[in-house]
All heavy atoms as atom14 arrays in JSON, in Angstrom:
{
  "sequence": "PWRYYRAASCNNFDQYIDNYYQFWHRLIPNKIIHKLFAPILDEV",
  "atom14_mask": [
    [1, 1, 1, 1, 1, 1, 1, 0, 0, 0, 0, 0, 0, 0],
    [1, 1, 1, 1, 1, 1, 1, 1, 1, 1, 1, 1, 1, 1],
    [1, 1, 1, 1, 1, 1, 1, 1, 1, 1, 1, 0, 0, 0],
    [1, 1, 1, 1, 1, 1, 1, 1, 1, 1, 1, 1, 0, 0],
    [1, 1, 1, 1, 1, 1, 1, 1, 1, 1, 1, 1, 0, 0],
    [1, 1, 1, 1, 1, 1, 1, 1, 1, 1, 1, 0, 0, 0],
    [1, 1, 1, 1, 1, 0, 0, 0, 0, 0, 0, 0, 0, 0],
    [1, 1, 1, 1, 1, 0, 0, 0, 0, 0, 0, 0, 0, 0],
    [1, 1, 1, 1, 1, 1, 0, 0, 0, 0, 0, 0, 0, 0],
    [1, 1, 1, 1, 1, 1, 0, 0, 0, 0, 0, 0, 0, 0],
    [1, 1, 1, 1, 1, 1, 1, 1, 0, 0, 0, 0, 0, 0],
    [1, 1, 1, 1, 1, 1, 1, 1, 0, 0, 0, 0, 0, 0],
    [1, 1, 1, 1, 1, 1, 1, 1, 1, 1, 1, 0, 0, 0],
    [1, 1, 1, 1, 1, 1, 1, 1, 0, 0, 0, 0, 0, 0],
    [1, 1, 1, 1, 1, 1, 1, 1, 1, 0, 0, 0, 0, 0],
    [1, 1, 1, 1, 1, 1, 1, 1, 1, 1, 1, 1, 0, 0],
    [1, 1, 1, 1, 1, 1, 1, 1, 0, 0, 0, 0, 0, 0],
    [1, 1, 1, 1, 1, 1, 1, 1, 0, 0, 0, 0, 0, 0],
    [1, 1, 1, 1, 1, 1, 1, 1, 0, 0, 0, 0, 0, 0],
    [1, 1, 1, 1, 1, 1, 1, 1, 1, 1, 1, 1, 0, 0],
    [1, 1, 1, 1, 1, 1, 1, 1, 1, 1, 1, 1, 0, 0],
    [1, 1, 1, 1, 1, 1, 1, 1, 1, 0, 0, 0, 0, 0],
    [1, 1, 1, 1, 1, 1, 1, 1, 1, 1, 1, 0, 0, 0],
    [1, 1, 1, 1, 1, 1, 1, 1, 1, 1, 1, 1, 1, 1],
    [1, 1, 1, 1, 1, 1, 1, 1, 1, 1, 0, 0, 0, 0],
    [1, 1, 1, 1, 1, 1, 1, 1, 1, 1, 1, 0, 0, 0],
    [1, 1, 1, 1, 1, 1, 1, 1, 0, 0, 0, 0, 0, 0],
    [1, 1, 1, 1, 1, 1, 1, 1, 0, 0, 0, 0, 0, 0],
    [1, 1, 1, 1, 1, 1, 1, 0, 0, 0, 0, 0, 0, 0],
    [1, 1, 1, 1, 1, 1, 1, 1, 0, 0, 0, 0, 0, 0],
    [1, 1, 1, 1, 1, 1, 1, 1, 1, 0, 0, 0, 0, 0],
    [1, 1, 1, 1, 1, 1, 1, 1, 0, 0, 0, 0, 0, 0],
    [1, 1, 1, 1, 1, 1, 1, 1, 0, 0, 0, 0, 0, 0],
    [1, 1, 1, 1, 1, 1, 1, 1, 1, 1, 0, 0, 0, 0],
    [1, 1, 1, 1, 1, 1, 1, 1, 1, 0, 0, 0, 0, 0],
    [1, 1, 1, 1, 1, 1, 1, 1, 0, 0, 0, 0, 0, 0],
    [1, 1, 1, 1, 1, 1, 1, 1, 1, 1, 1, 0, 0, 0],
    [1, 1, 1, 1, 1, 0, 0, 0, 0, 0, 0, 0, 0, 0],
    [1, 1, 1, 1, 1, 1, 1, 0, 0, 0, 0, 0, 0, 0],
    [1, 1, 1, 1, 1, 1, 1, 1, 0, 0, 0, 0, 0, 0],
    [1, 1, 1, 1, 1, 1, 1, 1, 0, 0, 0, 0, 0, 0],
    [1, 1, 1, 1, 1, 1, 1, 1, 0, 0, 0, 0, 0, 0],
    [1, 1, 1, 1, 1, 1, 1, 1, 1, 0, 0, 0, 0, 0],
    [1, 1, 1, 1, 1, 1, 1, 0, 0, 0, 0, 0, 0, 0]
  ],
  "atom14_positions": [
    [[81.13, 79.77, 84.52], [80.02, 80.73, 84.7], [79.76, 81.11, 86.13], [79.31, 82.23, 86.41], [78.82, 79.98, 84.08], [79.21, 78.54, 84.09], [80.68, 78.53, 83.88], [0.0, 0.0, 0.0], [0.0, 0.0, 0.0], [0.0, 0.0, 0.0], [0.0, 0.0, 0.0], [0.0, 0.0, 0.0], [0.0, 0.0, 0.0], [0.0, 0.0, 0.0]],
    [[80.04, 80.2, 87.09], [79.76, 80.51, 88.49], [80.67, 81.63, 89.02], [80.38, 82.21, 90.05], [79.92, 79.24, 89.33], [81.26, 78.58, 89.18], [82.37, 78.8, 89.9], [81.58, 77.59, 88.22], [83.4, 78.01, 89.46], [82.94, 77.24, 88.42], [80.87, 76.93, 87.21], [83.6, 76.29, 87.65], [81.52, 75.98, 86.45], [82.87, 75.66, 86.67]],
    [[81.76, 81.9, 88.33], [82.64, 82.99, 88.77], [82.11, 84.35, 88.31], [82.38, 85.37, 88.94], [84.04, 82.82, 88.2], [84.78, 81.58, 88.68], [86.13, 81.48, 87.99], [86.84, 80.26, 88.35], [87.97, 79.85, 87.78], [88.52, 80.58, 86.82], [88.55, 78.73, 88.17], [0.0, 0.0, 0.0], [0.0, 0.0, 0.0], [0.0, 0.0, 0.0]],
    [[81.36, 84.37, 87.22], [81.07, 85.64, 86.58], [79.93, 86.42, 87.22], [79.7, 87.57, 86.88], [80.75, 85.42, 85.09], [81.78, 84.59, 84.36], [81.4, 83.61, 83.45], [83.14, 84.79, 84.58], [82.34, 82.84, 82.78], [84.09, 84.02, 83.92], [83.69, 83.05, 83.03], [84.61, 82.28, 82.38], [0.0, 0.0, 0.0], [0.0, 0.0, 0.0]],
    [[79.19, 85.77, 88.16], [78.08, 86.49, 88.76], [78.58, 87.73, 89.5], [77.89, 88.74, 89.62], [77.29, 85.6, 89.73], [77.88, 85.52, 91.11], [77.52, 86.44, 92.09], [78.81, 84.55, 91.42], [78.09, 86.37, 93.34], [79.38, 84.48, 92.66], [79.02, 85.4, 93.63], [79.59, 85.33, 94.87], [0.0, 0.0, 0.0], [0.0, 0.0, 0.0]],
    [[79.83, 87.67, 89.97], [80.4, 88.83, 90.67], [80.53, 90.01, 89.73], [80.51, 91.15, 90.15], [81.78, 88.45, 91.24], [81.67, 87.43, 92.35], [82.98, 86.74, 92.64], [82.82, 85.77, 93.71], [82.3, 84.57, 93.57], [81.89, 84.18, 92.38], [82.17, 83.76, 94.58], [0.0, 0.0, 0.0], [0.0, 0.0, 0.0], [0.0, 0.0, 0.0]],
    [[80.72, 89.71, 88.45], [80.81, 90.78, 87.47], [79.42, 91.23, 87.03], [79.14, 92.42, 86.95], [81.6, 90.3, 86.26], [0.0, 0.0, 0.0], [0.0, 0.0, 0.0], [0.0, 0.0, 0.0], [0.0, 0.0, 0.0], [0.0, 0.0, 0.0], [0.0, 0.0, 0.0], [0.0, 0.0, 0.0], [0.0, 0.0, 0.0], [0.0, 0.0, 0.0]],
    [[78.56, 90.26, 86.75], [77.25, 90.59, 86.18], [76.4, 91.42, 87.12], [75.51, 92.15, 86.69], [76.52, 89.31, 85.8], [0.0, 0.0, 0.0], [0.0, 0.0, 0.0], [0.0, 0.0, 0.0], [0.0, 0.0, 0.0], [0.0, 0.0, 0.0], [0.0, 0.0, 0.0], [0.0, 0.0, 0.0], [0.0, 0.0, 0.0], [0.0, 0.0, 0.0]],
    [[76.64, 91.3, 88.41], [75.77, 91.97, 89.38], [76.4, 93.21, 90.0], [75.89, 93.73, 90.99], [75.41, 90.98, 90.51], [76.6, 90.51, 91.14], [0.0, 0.0, 0.0], [0.0, 0.0, 0.0], [0.0, 0.0, 0.0], [0.0, 0.0, 0.0], [0.0, 0.0, 0.0], [0.0, 0.0, 0.0], [0.0, 0.0, 0.0], [0.0, 0.0, 0.0]],
    [[77.51, 93.72, 89.44], [78.18, 94.88, 90.03], [77.57, 96.19, 89.55], [77.08, 96.3, 88.42], [79.67, 94.86, 89.68], [80.57, 93.56, 90.56], [0.0, 0.0, 0.0], [0.0, 0.0, 0.0], [0.0, 0.0, 0.0], [0.0, 0.0, 0.0], [0.0, 0.0, 0.0], [0.0, 0.0, 0.0], [0.0, 0.0, 0.0], [0.0, 0.0, 0.0]],
    [[77.65, 97.21, 90.43], [77.12, 98.53, 90.11], [78.19, 99.5, 89.66], [77.91, 100.48, 88.99], [76.39, 99.12, 91.32], [75.18, 98.29, 91.71], [74.43, 97.84, 90.85], [75.0, 98.07, 93.01], [0.0, 0.0, 0.0], [0.0, 0.0, 0.0], [0.0, 0.0, 0.0], [0.0, 0.0, 0.0], [0.0, 0.0, 0.0], [0.0, 0.0, 0.0]],
    [[79.45, 99.25, 90.06], [80.55, 100.13, 89.66], [81.85, 99.35, 89.72], [81.9, 98.23, 90.21], [80.62, 101.38, 90.54], [80.73, 101.04, 92.02], [81.7, 100.41, 92.44], [79.73, 101.44, 92.81], [0.0, 0.0, 0.0], [0.0, 0.0, 0.0], [0.0, 0.0, 0.0], [0.0, 0.0, 0.0], [0.0, 0.0, 0.0], [0.0, 0.0, 0.0]],
    [[82.91, 99.96, 89.22], [84.18, 99.26, 89.09], [84.79, 98.91, 90.44], [85.35, 97.82, 90.62], [85.16, 100.11, 88.28], [86.42, 99.39, 87.9], [86.4, 98.34, 87.0], [87.64, 99.76, 88.47], [87.56, 97.67, 86.65], [88.8, 99.09, 88.13], [88.77, 98.05, 87.21], [0.0, 0.0, 0.0], [0.0, 0.0, 0.0], [0.0, 0.0, 0.0]],
    [[84.68, 99.8, 91.42], [85.23, 99.5, 92.74], [84.53, 98.3, 93.38], [85.17, 97.47, 94.03], [85.11, 100.73, 93.66], [86.16, 101.78, 93.33], [87.22, 101.41, 92.79], [85.92, 102.97, 93.61], [0.0, 0.0, 0.0], [0.0, 0.0, 0.0], [0.0, 0.0, 0.0], [0.0, 0.0, 0.0], [0.0, 0.0, 0.0], [0.0, 0.0, 0.0]],
    [[83.23, 98.22, 93.21], [82.5, 97.06, 93.73], [82.95, 95.79, 93.03], [83.12, 94.73, 93.65], [81.0, 97.25, 93.55], [80.17, 96.11, 94.14], [78.69, 96.2, 93.8], [78.3, 96.98, 92.94], [77.88, 95.42, 94.47], [0.0, 0.0, 0.0], [0.0, 0.0, 0.0], [0.0, 0.0, 0.0], [0.0, 0.0, 0.0], [0.0, 0.0, 0.0]],
    [[83.15, 95.89, 91.72], [83.64, 94.75, 90.96], [85.0, 94.29, 91.49], [85.21, 93.08, 91.71], [83.74, 95.13, 89.49], [84.5, 94.13, 88.64], [83.91, 92.93, 88.25], [85.81, 94.38, 88.25], [84.6, 92.01, 87.5], [86.51, 93.46, 87.49], [85.9, 92.28, 87.11], [86.6, 91.37, 86.36], [0.0, 0.0, 0.0], [0.0, 0.0, 0.0]],
    [[85.91, 95.23, 91.7], [87.25, 94.89, 92.21], [87.12, 94.23, 93.58], [87.76, 93.19, 93.85], [88.15, 96.13, 92.29], [88.49, 96.64, 90.88], [89.42, 95.83, 93.07], [89.33, 95.68, 90.06], [0.0, 0.0, 0.0], [0.0, 0.0, 0.0], [0.0, 0.0, 0.0], [0.0, 0.0, 0.0], [0.0, 0.0, 0.0], [0.0, 0.0, 0.0]],
    [[86.32, 94.79, 94.45], [86.15, 94.21, 95.79], [85.61, 92.79, 95.73], [86.13, 91.88, 96.4], [85.22, 95.09, 96.64], [85.88, 96.39, 97.07], [87.12, 96.44, 97.09], [85.15, 97.35, 97.38], [0.0, 0.0, 0.0], [0.0, 0.0, 0.0], [0.0, 0.0, 0.0], [0.0, 0.0, 0.0], [0.0, 0.0, 0.0], [0.0, 0.0, 0.0]],
    [[84.58, 92.58, 94.94], [83.97, 91.25, 94.86], [84.92, 90.22, 94.26], [85.07, 89.1, 94.8], [82.69, 91.31, 94.0], [81.56, 92.02, 94.71], [81.63, 92.29, 95.9], [80.5, 92.31, 93.97], [0.0, 0.0, 0.0], [0.0, 0.0, 0.0], [0.0, 0.0, 0.0], [0.0, 0.0, 0.0], [0.0, 0.0, 0.0], [0.0, 0.0, 0.0]],
    [[85.55, 90.58, 93.17], [86.43, 89.63, 92.5], [87.7, 89.4, 93.3], [88.24, 88.29, 93.33], [86.74, 90.13, 91.09], [86.46, 89.1, 90.02], [85.29, 88.35, 90.04], [87.36, 88.87, 88.99], [85.04, 87.4, 89.07], [87.11, 87.92, 88.0], [85.95, 87.19, 88.05], [85.69, 86.24, 87.09], [0.0, 0.0, 0.0], [0.0, 0.0, 0.0]],
    [[88.19, 90.45, 93.94], [89.38, 90.32, 94.79], [89.12, 89.34, 95.92], [89.97, 88.46, 96.2], [89.75, 91.7, 95.33], [90.8, 91.7, 96.42], [92.11, 91.33, 96.16], [90.48, 92.08, 97.72], [93.08, 91.34, 97.15], [91.43, 92.1, 98.72], [92.73, 91.73, 98.43], [93.67, 91.75, 99.43], [0.0, 0.0, 0.0], [0.0, 0.0, 0.0]],
    [[87.99, 89.43, 96.57], [87.68, 88.51, 97.66], [87.58, 87.07, 97.14], [88.03, 86.13, 97.8], [86.36, 88.92, 98.34], [86.45, 90.21, 99.13], [87.41, 90.11, 100.3], [87.61, 89.05, 100.88], [88.03, 91.24, 100.66], [0.0, 0.0, 0.0], [0.0, 0.0, 0.0], [0.0, 0.0, 0.0], [0.0, 0.0, 0.0], [0.0, 0.0, 0.0]],
    [[86.99, 86.89, 95.97], [86.85, 85.55, 95.43], [88.21, 84.91, 95.14], [88.42, 83.72, 95.36], [86.02, 85.56, 94.16], [85.97, 84.22, 93.47], [85.18, 83.2, 93.98], [86.73, 83.97, 92.34], [85.15, 81.95, 93.36], [86.7, 82.72, 91.72], [85.91, 81.72, 92.23], [0.0, 0.0, 0.0], [0.0, 0.0, 0.0], [0.0, 0.0, 0.0]],
    [[89.14, 85.72, 94.62], [90.43, 85.18, 94.23], [91.41, 85.04, 95.38], [92.59, 84.74, 95.16], [91.02, 85.99, 93.07], [90.33, 85.6, 91.8], [89.33, 86.26, 91.16], [90.57, 84.41, 91.02], [88.92, 85.58, 90.05], [89.66, 84.44, 89.93], [91.44, 83.34, 91.15], [89.63, 83.43, 88.98], [91.41, 82.34, 90.2], [90.51, 82.39, 89.13]],
    [[90.94, 85.21, 96.61], [91.71, 84.78, 97.78], [91.56, 83.27, 97.87], [90.75, 82.75, 98.62], [91.14, 85.44, 99.05], [91.67, 86.79, 99.31], [92.41, 87.13, 100.42], [91.6, 87.92, 98.57], [92.75, 88.39, 100.36], [92.27, 88.89, 99.25], [0.0, 0.0, 0.0], [0.0, 0.0, 0.0], [0.0, 0.0, 0.0], [0.0, 0.0, 0.0]],
    [[92.35, 82.55, 97.12], [92.14, 81.11, 96.96], [92.66, 80.31, 98.14], [92.28, 79.15, 98.31], [92.82, 80.63, 95.68], [92.11, 81.1, 94.42], [92.92, 80.77, 93.18], [93.11, 79.36, 92.93], [92.27, 78.58, 92.25], [91.14, 79.09, 91.79], [92.55, 77.32, 92.04], [0.0, 0.0, 0.0], [0.0, 0.0, 0.0], [0.0, 0.0, 0.0]],
    [[93.54, 80.88, 98.96], [94.19, 80.08, 99.98], [93.87, 80.49, 101.41], [93.55, 79.65, 102.24], [95.72, 80.13, 99.78], [96.24, 79.61, 98.44], [97.76, 79.67, 98.4], [95.75, 78.19, 98.18], [0.0, 0.0, 0.0], [0.0, 0.0, 0.0], [0.0, 0.0, 0.0], [0.0, 0.0, 0.0], [0.0, 0.0, 0.0], [0.0, 0.0, 0.0]],
    [[93.96, 81.78, 101.71], [93.86, 82.24, 103.1], [92.86, 83.38, 103.18], [92.95, 84.34, 102.4], [95.23, 82.72, 103.61], [96.26, 81.59, 103.49], [95.14, 83.2, 105.05], [97.68, 82.05, 103.67], [0.0, 0.0, 0.0], [0.0, 0.0, 0.0], [0.0, 0.0, 0.0], [0.0, 0.0, 0.0], [0.0, 0.0, 0.0], [0.0, 0.0, 0.0]],
    [[91.91, 83.33, 104.09], [90.97, 84.44, 104.26], [91.71, 85.74, 104.55], [92.69, 85.77, 105.32], [90.12, 84.01, 105.46], [90.25, 82.52, 105.51], [91.63, 82.21, 105.01], [0.0, 0.0, 0.0], [0.0, 0.0, 0.0], [0.0, 0.0, 0.0], [0.0, 0.0, 0.0], [0.0, 0.0, 0.0], [0.0, 0.0, 0.0], [0.0, 0.0, 0.0]],
    [[91.28, 86.81, 103.93], [91.96, 88.1, 104.06], [92.07, 88.57, 105.51], [93.04, 89.19, 105.91], [91.22, 89.16, 103.24], [92.06, 90.4, 103.01], [93.25, 90.3, 102.75], [91.44, 91.56, 103.12], [0.0, 0.0, 0.0], [0.0, 0.0, 0.0], [0.0, 0.0, 0.0], [0.0, 0.0, 0.0], [0.0, 0.0, 0.0], [0.0, 0.0, 0.0]],
    [[91.06, 88.21, 106.32], [91.03, 88.7, 107.7], [92.13, 88.1, 108.58], [92.43, 88.65, 109.64], [89.66, 88.45, 108.32], [89.28, 86.97, 108.41], [87.88, 86.79, 108.96], [87.5, 85.3, 109.01], [86.11, 85.11, 109.48], [0.0, 0.0, 0.0], [0.0, 0.0, 0.0], [0.0, 0.0, 0.0], [0.0, 0.0, 0.0], [0.0, 0.0, 0.0]],
    [[92.72, 86.99, 108.15], [93.76, 86.38, 108.99], [95.12, 86.31, 108.31], [96.07, 85.82, 108.91], [93.36, 84.96, 109.45], [93.24, 84.02, 108.25], [92.09, 84.99, 110.26], [93.09, 82.57, 108.66], [0.0, 0.0, 0.0], [0.0, 0.0, 0.0], [0.0, 0.0, 0.0], [0.0, 0.0, 0.0], [0.0, 0.0, 0.0], [0.0, 0.0, 0.0]],
    [[95.22, 86.82, 107.08], [96.48, 86.64, 106.36], [97.63, 87.37, 107.06], [98.77, 86.89, 107.1], [96.35, 87.08, 104.88], [97.54, 86.54, 104.07], [96.24, 88.59, 104.75], [97.33, 86.61, 102.57], [0.0, 0.0, 0.0], [0.0, 0.0, 0.0], [0.0, 0.0, 0.0], [0.0, 0.0, 0.0], [0.0, 0.0, 0.0], [0.0, 0.0, 0.0]],
    [[97.33, 88.52, 107.67], [98.4, 89.24, 108.36], [98.78, 88.56, 109.67], [99.94, 88.62, 110.09], [98.0, 90.7, 108.59], [98.03, 91.52, 107.35], [96.93, 91.67, 106.53], [99.04, 92.21, 106.76], [97.26, 92.42, 105.49], [98.52, 92.77, 105.61], [0.0, 0.0, 0.0], [0.0, 0.0, 0.0], [0.0, 0.0, 0.0], [0.0, 0.0, 0.0]],
    [[97.83, 87.88, 110.29], [98.17, 87.1, 111.48], [99.08, 85.94, 111.09], [100.03, 85.61, 111.81], [96.9, 86.56, 112.14], [96.0, 87.62, 112.75], [94.77, 86.97, 113.38], [93.84, 88.01, 113.98], [92.61, 87.38, 114.55], [0.0, 0.0, 0.0], [0.0, 0.0, 0.0], [0.0, 0.0, 0.0], [0.0, 0.0, 0.0], [0.0, 0.0, 0.0]],
    [[98.78, 85.31, 109.97], [99.57, 84.18, 109.53], [101.01, 84.6, 109.22], [101.96, 83.88, 109.53], [98.93, 83.55, 108.29], [99.65, 82.33, 107.71], [99.68, 81.18, 108.71], [98.97, 81.87, 106.42], [0.0, 0.0, 0.0], [0.0, 0.0, 0.0], [0.0, 0.0, 0.0], [0.0, 0.0, 0.0], [0.0, 0.0, 0.0], [0.0, 0.0, 0.0]],
    [[101.18, 85.77, 108.62], [102.51, 86.23, 108.24], [103.13, 87.15, 109.28], [104.02, 87.94, 108.95], [102.45, 86.93, 106.88], [102.37, 85.98, 105.72], [101.14, 85.67, 105.14], [103.5, 85.36, 105.22], [101.05, 84.79, 104.07], [103.43, 84.48, 104.16], [102.2, 84.19, 103.59], [0.0, 0.0, 0.0], [0.0, 0.0, 0.0], [0.0, 0.0, 0.0]],
    [[102.73, 86.99, 110.52], [103.25, 87.83, 111.6], [104.79, 87.82, 111.68], [105.39, 88.88, 111.93], [102.65, 87.39, 112.94], [0.0, 0.0, 0.0], [0.0, 0.0, 0.0], [0.0, 0.0, 0.0], [0.0, 0.0, 0.0], [0.0, 0.0, 0.0], [0.0, 0.0, 0.0], [0.0, 0.0, 0.0], [0.0, 0.0, 0.0], [0.0, 0.0, 0.0]],
    [[105.47, 86.7, 111.5], [106.94, 86.71, 111.61], [107.64, 87.63, 110.61], [108.77, 88.06, 110.86], [107.32, 85.25, 111.37], [106.12, 84.47, 111.77], [104.96, 85.33, 111.35], [0.0, 0.0, 0.0], [0.0, 0.0, 0.0], [0.0, 0.0, 0.0], [0.0, 0.0, 0.0], [0.0, 0.0, 0.0], [0.0, 0.0, 0.0], [0.0, 0.0, 0.0]],
    [[107.01, 87.94, 109.49], [107.66, 88.8, 108.49], [106.82, 90.04, 108.18], [107.04, 90.71, 107.18], [107.93, 88.02, 107.18], [106.61, 87.5, 106.57], [108.9, 86.89, 107.42], [106.78, 86.93, 105.16], [0.0, 0.0, 0.0], [0.0, 0.0, 0.0], [0.0, 0.0, 0.0], [0.0, 0.0, 0.0], [0.0, 0.0, 0.0], [0.0, 0.0, 0.0]],
    [[105.87, 90.34, 109.06], [104.91, 91.4, 108.76], [105.59, 92.74, 108.54], [105.18, 93.51, 107.66], [103.87, 91.5, 109.89], [102.64, 92.36, 109.57], [101.93, 91.83, 108.34], [101.69, 92.38, 110.76], [0.0, 0.0, 0.0], [0.0, 0.0, 0.0], [0.0, 0.0, 0.0], [0.0, 0.0, 0.0], [0.0, 0.0, 0.0], [0.0, 0.0, 0.0]],
    [[106.61, 93.05, 109.31], [107.29, 94.33, 109.14], [107.92, 94.46, 107.76], [108.05, 95.57, 107.23], [108.38, 94.49, 110.21], [107.8, 94.81, 111.58], [106.62, 95.18, 111.64], [108.53, 94.68, 112.58], [0.0, 0.0, 0.0], [0.0, 0.0, 0.0], [0.0, 0.0, 0.0], [0.0, 0.0, 0.0], [0.0, 0.0, 0.0], [0.0, 0.0, 0.0]],
    [[108.28, 93.33, 107.16], [108.94, 93.37, 105.85], [107.95, 93.39, 104.69], [108.35, 93.67, 103.56], [109.88, 92.16, 105.72], [110.98, 92.14, 106.76], [111.74, 90.82, 106.76], [112.59, 90.64, 105.86], [111.47, 89.99, 107.64], [0.0, 0.0, 0.0], [0.0, 0.0, 0.0], [0.0, 0.0, 0.0], [0.0, 0.0, 0.0], [0.0, 0.0, 0.0]],
    [[106.69, 93.08, 104.96], [105.69, 93.06, 103.88], [104.53, 94.01, 104.17], [103.52, 93.98, 103.47], [105.16, 91.63, 103.64], [106.27, 90.71, 103.22], [104.44, 91.09, 104.87], [0.0, 0.0, 0.0], [0.0, 0.0, 0.0], [0.0, 0.0, 0.0], [0.0, 0.0, 0.0], [0.0, 0.0, 0.0], [0.0, 0.0, 0.0], [0.0, 0.0, 0.0]]
  ]
}
């Protein structure tokens, strides 16, 4: 149930995607993922 609040409180589909997408970043914060993958960034 603690996951679903992102759905229950959304106003539109794009907001839902943004909220749920951020939650399902289970390993690396989005703001640094490209820094982490710098050695292969051109390929991805």
